[in-house]
């Protein structure tokens, strides 16, 4: 997947966040602002910060994919007088993170006067909603959900908790499965387990993959198979999928089976994914074990995950409501990202500077 998409999505995300904060500030002026309407800070020019962040990204990109020696027609390597620059990936990734942080601070400090407009050279990021994360019933923090005007795809940044649902060894009556049984629900209110007609969780038989384990269920399922068949559900240990709150997903037009692309800003890794399961109404930022592995995140459902730095890009209406193979997810995800990327290649969302097509379209494995 193209590494520069990560920086571009991050740019749009930050732009949308800036718009949101600007709207909040203009809607609720502080006492000093109310008394002195000329005290607002002038808009800051983030061009230099954008350029240095982009250059740091290019440096880290070269570290990850150094140029290969070319061969002449007779098979001998060609050398040049140029001496390759030394590679220090860890150092350069830290520099990239610092540059992105400075850029974010610049953008969020900019005095935004109103919502973004669909005009040449203007930021067209649109804040859809602020998703309220809660912990034990108490508000924890807001996650901005944004998108580009004219695009159905939405995106957000958060951490990632690990979902084992759908894996045949996810849950066991003795709580020895991949995940803590408490995450599957409680007696009478099982949410992560397949249930029989009486509402009791189904236990796998001798001919199933993991006899004695519960049949773990996911919202996305192959409806042609019976409820007690473990292969009916999307296996979190094999399929990269994202988990979305049901209410938010419906509000934004997404349904299980739609495709997504997920980016780990901390190490540059990315993965295509499918919307495979529905999670709690008050939590966002969850992915399958397989998705975590693709992103270089610890995939242990009990102790793994990432606290921050994960960008999610979801394409509502892109699926057919059925499970897909990894190959299908990658093929469809790639098409969607390329089409989305192409439709916004001329959008300016960083300090009103246009994104250069050559920068967006660099191919990185």
Protein backbone atom coordinates (compact mmCIF):
# COMPACT_ATOMS: atom_id res chain seq x y z
CA UNK A 1 0.00 0.00 0.00
CA UNK A 2 1.19 3.54 -0.62
CA UNK A 3 2.94 5.00 2.39
CA UNK A 4 2.15 8.62 1.48
CA UNK A 5 -1.56 7.86 1.84
CA UNK A 6 -0.83 7.67 5.57
CA UNK A 7 0.49 11.22 5.67
CA UNK A 8 -2.30 12.43 3.41
CA UNK A 9 -5.06 10.91 5.52
CA UNK A 10 -3.34 12.30 8.60
CA UNK A 11 -3.36 15.72 6.97
CA UNK A 12 -7.09 15.54 6.27
CA UNK A 13 -7.75 14.26 9.78
CA UNK A 14 -5.83 17.11 11.34
CA UNK A 15 -7.55 19.60 9.06
CA UNK A 16 -10.98 18.30 10.09
CA UNK A 17 -9.98 18.47 13.75
CA UNK A 18 -8.85 22.05 13.27
CA UNK A 19 -12.15 22.96 11.64
CA UNK A 20 -14.05 21.36 14.49
CA UNK A 21 -12.09 23.21 17.14
CA UNK A 22 -12.41 26.44 15.22
CA UNK A 23 -16.18 26.03 15.02
CA UNK A 24 -16.36 25.31 18.74
CA UNK A 25 -14.23 28.34 19.52
CA UNK A 26 -16.33 30.65 17.35
CA UNK A 27 -19.56 29.26 18.78
CA UNK A 28 -18.41 29.66 22.39
CA UNK A 29 -16.14 32.70 22.72
CA UNK A 30 -14.10 33.09 25.88
CA UNK A 31 -14.75 36.13 28.10
CA UNK A 32 -11.61 37.82 26.77
CA UNK A 33 -12.72 37.24 23.21
CA UNK A 34 -16.17 38.59 23.92
CA UNK A 35 -14.70 41.75 25.41
CA UNK A 36 -12.01 42.21 22.79
CA UNK A 37 -13.06 40.99 19.35
CA UNK A 38 -9.63 41.84 17.89
CA UNK A 39 -7.69 39.63 20.29
CA UNK A 40 -7.92 36.47 18.18
CA UNK A 41 -4.61 35.11 16.95
CA UNK A 42 -3.94 35.59 13.25
CA UNK A 43 -3.92 32.50 11.07
CA UNK A 44 -0.57 30.74 11.10
CA UNK A 45 1.24 29.64 7.98
CA UNK A 46 2.04 25.94 8.35
CA UNK A 47 3.76 25.59 5.00
CA UNK A 48 7.23 25.12 6.45
CA UNK A 49 5.97 22.56 8.96
CA UNK A 50 4.23 20.68 6.16
CA UNK A 51 7.40 20.64 4.04
CA UNK A 52 9.61 19.42 6.88
CA UNK A 53 7.08 16.74 7.84
CA UNK A 54 6.86 15.58 4.25
CA UNK A 55 10.64 15.48 3.88
CA UNK A 56 10.92 13.45 7.11
CA UNK A 57 8.38 11.04 5.63
CA UNK A 58 10.45 10.71 2.47
CA UNK A 59 13.57 10.00 4.53
CA UNK A 60 11.84 7.29 6.55
CA UNK A 61 10.41 5.91 3.32
CA UNK A 62 13.91 5.61 1.86
CA UNK A 63 15.04 3.83 5.02
CA UNK A 64 12.25 1.31 4.65
CA UNK A 65 12.82 0.79 0.93
CA UNK A 66 16.45 1.59 0.02
CA UNK A 67 17.26 1.74 -3.70
CA UNK A 68 18.47 -1.51 -5.17
CA UNK A 69 21.59 -1.87 -7.28
CA UNK A 70 20.77 -2.11 -10.99
CA UNK A 71 22.27 -4.71 -13.31
CA UNK A 72 23.54 -4.26 -16.83
CA UNK A 73 22.47 -6.58 -19.68
CA UNK A 74 25.24 -9.08 -18.91
CA UNK A 75 24.17 -9.33 -15.30
CA UNK A 76 26.93 -7.28 -13.63
CA UNK A 77 25.97 -4.72 -11.04
CA UNK A 78 26.35 -1.08 -11.97
CA UNK A 79 27.92 1.21 -9.40
CA UNK A 80 28.04 4.95 -9.16
CA UNK A 81 30.32 7.37 -7.40
CA UNK A 82 27.47 8.36 -5.07
CA UNK A 83 27.78 7.01 -1.56
CA UNK A 84 24.42 5.88 -0.13
CA UNK A 85 23.34 7.75 2.95
CA UNK A 86 23.55 5.78 6.18
CA UNK A 87 20.25 4.30 7.35
CA UNK A 88 19.00 4.82 10.89
CA UNK A 89 15.34 3.82 10.72
CA UNK A 90 14.59 4.21 14.43
CA UNK A 91 16.08 7.70 14.50
CA UNK A 92 14.34 8.80 11.32
CA UNK A 93 10.97 7.43 12.46
CA UNK A 94 11.32 9.48 15.67
CA UNK A 95 12.10 12.56 13.60
CA UNK A 96 9.02 11.87 11.45
CA UNK A 97 6.83 11.57 14.53
CA UNK A 98 8.21 14.85 15.91
CA UNK A 99 7.65 16.66 12.62
CA UNK A 100 4.08 15.38 12.39
CA UNK A 101 3.46 16.49 15.97
CA UNK A 102 4.74 20.01 15.22
CA UNK A 103 2.59 20.14 12.10
CA UNK A 104 -0.46 19.02 14.07
CA UNK A 105 0.11 21.70 16.68
CA UNK A 106 0.44 24.33 13.97
CA UNK A 107 -2.77 23.32 12.27
CA UNK A 108 -4.76 23.03 15.48
CA UNK A 109 -3.44 26.42 16.62
CA UNK A 110 -4.62 28.10 13.43
CA UNK A 111 -7.57 30.41 13.99
CA UNK A 112 -10.25 28.77 11.82
CA UNK A 113 -13.01 31.26 11.10
CA UNK A 114 -15.65 28.86 9.81
CA UNK A 115 -16.39 25.53 8.15
CA UNK A 116 -14.29 24.41 5.23
CA UNK A 117 -15.40 25.44 1.78
CA UNK A 118 -15.28 23.47 -1.45
CA UNK A 119 -13.03 25.91 -3.29
CA UNK A 120 -9.65 25.61 -4.94
CA UNK A 121 -6.88 25.87 -2.36
CA UNK A 122 -9.19 25.48 0.62
CA UNK A 123 -9.40 22.70 3.13
CA UNK A 124 -12.41 20.54 2.35
CA UNK A 125 -12.20 18.28 5.37
CA UNK A 126 -15.59 17.87 7.02
CA UNK A 127 -16.22 16.89 10.62
CA UNK A 128 -19.10 14.42 10.71
CA UNK A 129 -19.31 13.94 14.44
CA UNK A 130 -17.36 13.72 17.67
CA UNK A 131 -17.65 10.17 18.94
CA UNK A 132 -17.73 10.12 22.74
CA UNK A 133 -15.57 7.36 24.16
CA UNK A 134 -16.70 6.18 27.58
CA UNK A 135 -15.12 4.01 30.26
CA UNK A 136 -17.25 2.44 32.98
CA UNK A 137 -20.05 4.75 31.94
CA UNK A 138 -18.00 7.92 32.32
CA UNK A 139 -16.91 10.16 29.42
CA UNK A 140 -13.28 9.54 28.53
CA UNK A 141 -12.50 11.53 25.37
CA UNK A 142 -13.93 12.50 22.00
CA UNK A 143 -12.80 10.94 18.72
CA UNK A 144 -13.42 13.22 15.69
CA UNK A 145 -14.91 11.37 12.72
CA UNK A 146 -14.19 13.19 9.47
CA UNK A 147 -14.44 12.87 5.72
CA UNK A 148 -13.81 14.82 2.56
CA UNK A 149 -16.72 16.77 1.16
CA UNK A 150 -18.20 14.80 -1.69
CA UNK A 151 -16.83 11.49 -0.43
CA UNK A 152 -18.70 8.79 1.46
CA UNK A 153 -15.51 7.44 3.03
CA UNK A 154 -14.96 8.45 6.65
CA UNK A 155 -11.86 8.30 8.80
CA UNK A 156 -10.74 8.64 12.40
CA UNK A 157 -7.66 8.21 14.54
CA UNK A 158 -7.55 6.22 17.76
CA UNK A 159 -5.79 3.30 19.35
CA UNK A 160 -6.60 -0.34 18.72
CA UNK A 161 -7.94 -2.99 21.06
CA UNK A 162 -7.74 -6.57 19.84
CA UNK A 163 -10.77 -8.64 18.89
CA UNK A 164 -10.61 -12.46 18.83
CA UNK A 165 -14.28 -12.98 17.94
CA UNK A 166 -14.95 -15.49 15.19
CA UNK A 167 -11.81 -17.49 15.95
CA UNK A 168 -12.86 -21.05 16.87
CA UNK A 169 -10.63 -20.97 19.95
CA UNK A 170 -11.62 -17.47 21.09
CA UNK A 171 -13.67 -18.47 24.15
CA UNK A 172 -13.79 -21.47 26.47
CA UNK A 173 -16.13 -22.22 29.39
CA UNK A 174 -13.05 -22.35 31.64
CA UNK A 175 -11.86 -18.99 30.30
CA UNK A 176 -8.78 -20.51 28.64
CA UNK A 177 -9.48 -19.17 25.15
CA UNK A 178 -7.67 -16.48 23.22
CA UNK A 179 -9.79 -13.81 24.87
CA UNK A 180 -11.28 -13.24 28.29
CA UNK A 181 -14.75 -14.77 28.43
CA UNK A 182 -16.06 -11.54 29.97
CA UNK A 183 -15.59 -9.89 26.57
CA UNK A 184 -18.16 -12.26 25.08
CA UNK A 185 -20.89 -11.04 27.42
CA UNK A 186 -22.59 -12.50 30.46
CA UNK A 187 -25.10 -15.33 31.01
CA UNK A 188 -28.35 -14.29 29.42
CA UNK A 189 -26.60 -11.54 27.45
CA UNK A 190 -24.00 -13.30 25.35
CA UNK A 191 -22.89 -11.02 22.51
CA UNK A 192 -19.76 -12.69 21.17
CA UNK A 193 -21.08 -16.25 21.16
CA UNK A 194 -23.43 -18.16 18.89
CA UNK A 195 -26.61 -19.17 20.74
CA UNK A 196 -29.20 -21.87 20.37
CA UNK A 197 -32.98 -21.38 20.32
CA UNK A 198 -32.99 -21.07 24.12
CA UNK A 199 -30.33 -18.38 24.14
CA UNK A 200 -27.64 -20.71 25.49
CA UNK A 201 -24.12 -20.51 24.02
CA UNK A 202 -23.24 -23.29 21.59
CA UNK A 203 -20.27 -25.51 22.40
CA UNK A 204 -18.27 -27.09 19.58
CA UNK A 205 -18.61 -30.83 19.11
CA UNK A 206 -16.01 -33.53 18.36
CA UNK A 207 -15.99 -32.80 14.63
CA UNK A 208 -15.48 -29.05 15.04
CA UNK A 209 -12.08 -27.29 14.99
CA UNK A 210 -11.87 -26.87 18.80
CA UNK A 211 -14.15 -29.30 20.65
CA UNK A 212 -15.26 -27.97 24.00
CA UNK A 213 -14.79 -24.32 23.03
CA UNK A 214 -17.72 -22.01 22.43
CA UNK A 215 -18.71 -21.13 18.87
CA UNK A 216 -17.65 -17.49 18.66
CA UNK A 217 -19.87 -15.28 16.50
CA UNK A 218 -19.34 -12.09 14.49
CA UNK A 219 -21.85 -9.68 12.98
CA UNK A 220 -20.55 -10.50 9.49
CA UNK A 221 -21.41 -14.12 8.75
CA UNK A 222 -22.03 -16.59 5.95
CA UNK A 223 -25.82 -16.96 6.26
CA UNK A 224 -25.78 -20.11 4.14
CA UNK A 225 -24.23 -22.01 7.06
CA UNK A 226 -25.99 -22.99 10.31
CA UNK A 227 -25.48 -20.99 13.49
CA UNK A 228 -23.56 -23.83 15.16
CA UNK A 229 -20.95 -24.00 12.38
CA UNK A 230 -17.75 -22.19 13.50
CA UNK A 231 -16.87 -21.46 9.87
CA UNK A 232 -20.04 -19.38 9.48
CA UNK A 233 -18.26 -16.47 11.18
CA UNK A 234 -15.24 -14.31 10.31
CA UNK A 235 -12.13 -15.73 11.99
CA UNK A 236 -10.27 -12.89 13.75
CA UNK A 237 -7.05 -14.89 13.74
CA UNK A 238 -7.04 -15.12 9.93
CA UNK A 239 -9.08 -12.21 8.51
CA UNK A 240 -8.11 -8.53 8.97
CA UNK A 241 -11.27 -6.78 10.06
CA UNK A 242 -12.33 -3.65 11.90
CA UNK A 243 -14.99 -3.38 14.58
CA UNK A 244 -17.38 -0.41 14.62
CA UNK A 245 -20.11 0.66 17.04
CA UNK A 246 -23.45 -0.29 15.50
CA UNK A 247 -25.15 3.06 15.96
CA UNK A 248 -22.29 5.08 14.53
CA UNK A 249 -21.90 2.69 11.60
CA UNK A 250 -25.59 2.98 10.69
CA UNK A 251 -25.45 6.74 11.02
CA UNK A 252 -22.57 6.94 8.55
CA UNK A 253 -23.99 4.35 6.14
CA UNK A 254 -21.54 1.52 6.86
CA UNK A 255 -22.60 -2.08 7.26
CA UNK A 256 -20.73 -5.32 7.94
CA UNK A 257 -18.97 -6.44 4.79
CA UNK A 258 -17.80 -2.98 3.75
CA UNK A 259 -14.08 -2.44 3.19
CA UNK A 260 -11.53 -0.34 5.02
CA UNK A 261 -7.86 0.61 5.04
CA UNK A 262 -5.95 0.96 8.31
CA UNK A 263 -2.62 2.73 8.87
CA UNK A 264 -0.17 2.50 11.77
CA UNK A 265 1.45 5.93 11.93
CA UNK A 266 4.12 4.78 14.36
CA UNK A 267 5.80 2.24 12.10
CA UNK A 268 4.41 3.00 8.65
CA UNK A 269 2.64 -0.35 8.24
CA UNK A 270 -0.81 -0.60 6.70
CA UNK A 271 -3.46 -3.16 5.88
CA UNK A 272 -6.71 -3.51 4.00
CA UNK A 273 -9.59 -4.80 6.09
CA UNK A 274 -13.29 -5.57 6.13
CA UNK A 275 -15.97 -4.36 8.55
CA UNK A 276 -16.38 -7.69 10.34
CA UNK A 277 -17.97 -7.11 13.72
CA UNK A 278 -20.08 -4.68 15.74
CA UNK A 279 -18.73 -3.49 19.07
CA UNK A 280 -19.96 -1.54 22.11
CA UNK A 281 -21.85 1.67 21.44
CA UNK A 282 -19.36 3.74 23.45
CA UNK A 283 -16.02 2.37 22.19
CA UNK A 284 -14.18 2.83 18.92
CA UNK A 285 -10.79 1.66 17.69
CA UNK A 286 -10.85 -2.13 17.55
CA UNK A 287 -9.47 -4.62 15.08
CA UNK A 288 -9.00 -8.34 14.63
CA UNK A 289 -5.89 -10.25 15.61
CA UNK A 290 -4.95 -10.66 11.95
CA UNK A 291 -5.27 -6.91 11.36
CA UNK A 292 -3.04 -6.19 14.36
CA UNK A 293 -0.39 -8.55 13.03
CA UNK A 294 -0.45 -6.82 9.64
CA UNK A 295 0.08 -3.48 11.38
CA UNK A 296 2.92 -4.66 13.59
CA UNK A 297 0.80 -4.43 16.73
CA UNK A 298 0.84 -7.02 19.49
CA UNK A 299 -2.11 -9.23 18.57
CA UNK A 300 -2.78 -10.86 21.95
CA UNK A 301 -6.51 -10.34 22.58
CA UNK A 302 -5.93 -10.26 26.33
CA UNK A 303 -2.88 -8.00 26.53
CA UNK A 304 -2.15 -6.59 23.08
CA UNK A 305 -3.21 -3.51 21.17
CA UNK A 306 -2.06 0.08 20.67
CA UNK A 307 -3.01 3.16 22.63
CA UNK A 308 -2.86 5.64 19.76
CA UNK A 309 -1.58 6.37 16.30
CA UNK A 310 -3.91 4.16 14.24
CA UNK A 311 -5.79 5.72 11.32
CA UNK A 312 -8.94 4.04 10.03
CA UNK A 313 -10.44 4.77 6.60
CA UNK A 314 -13.85 3.13 6.00
CA UNK A 315 -15.77 2.94 2.71
CA UNK A 316 -19.55 2.75 3.35
CA UNK A 317 -21.56 0.80 0.79
CA UNK A 318 -18.50 -0.91 -0.68
CA UNK A 319 -19.28 -4.50 0.34
CA UNK A 320 -21.97 -7.05 -0.38
CA UNK A 321 -22.75 -8.05 3.20
CA UNK A 322 -20.85 -11.33 2.97
CA UNK A 323 -17.47 -12.51 4.30
CA UNK A 324 -14.53 -12.29 1.90
CA UNK A 325 -11.18 -14.00 1.57
CA UNK A 326 -7.96 -12.14 2.36
CA UNK A 327 -7.24 -11.97 -1.36
CA UNK A 328 -10.62 -10.38 -2.07
CA UNK A 329 -10.20 -7.90 0.78
CA UNK A 330 -6.81 -6.82 -0.54
CA UNK A 331 -8.00 -6.53 -4.14
CA UNK A 332 -11.16 -4.57 -3.33
CA UNK A 333 -9.42 -2.43 -0.73
CA UNK A 334 -6.68 -1.48 -3.17
CA UNK A 335 -9.23 -0.42 -5.80
CA UNK A 336 -11.10 1.73 -3.30
CA UNK A 337 -8.00 3.43 -1.92
CA UNK A 338 -6.68 4.17 -5.40
CA UNK A 339 -10.03 5.60 -6.53
CA UNK A 340 -10.38 7.64 -3.32
CA UNK A 341 -6.80 8.85 -3.58
CA UNK A 342 -7.26 9.85 -7.19
CA UNK A 343 -10.44 11.80 -6.46
CA UNK A 344 -8.70 13.95 -3.87
CA UNK A 345 -5.23 14.24 -5.35
CA UNK A 346 -5.77 17.96 -6.03
CA UNK A 347 -7.31 18.75 -2.63
CA UNK A 348 -5.41 21.24 -0.50
CA UNK A 349 -5.80 20.45 3.16
CA UNK A 350 -2.56 21.53 4.74
CA UNK A 351 -2.24 25.24 5.34
CA UNK A 352 -4.08 25.75 2.04
CA UNK A 353 -1.22 24.12 0.12
CA UNK A 354 -2.21 21.77 -2.74
CA UNK A 355 -1.13 18.17 -2.48
CA UNK A 356 1.30 17.36 -5.28
CA UNK A 357 0.10 14.48 -7.42
CA UNK A 358 3.62 13.03 -7.69
CA UNK A 359 3.82 12.88 -3.91
CA UNK A 360 0.48 11.18 -3.47
CA UNK A 361 1.08 8.63 -6.17
CA UNK A 362 4.42 7.24 -5.07
CA UNK A 363 4.08 3.48 -4.86
CA UNK A 364 5.40 1.81 -1.72
CA UNK A 365 5.02 -1.89 -1.03
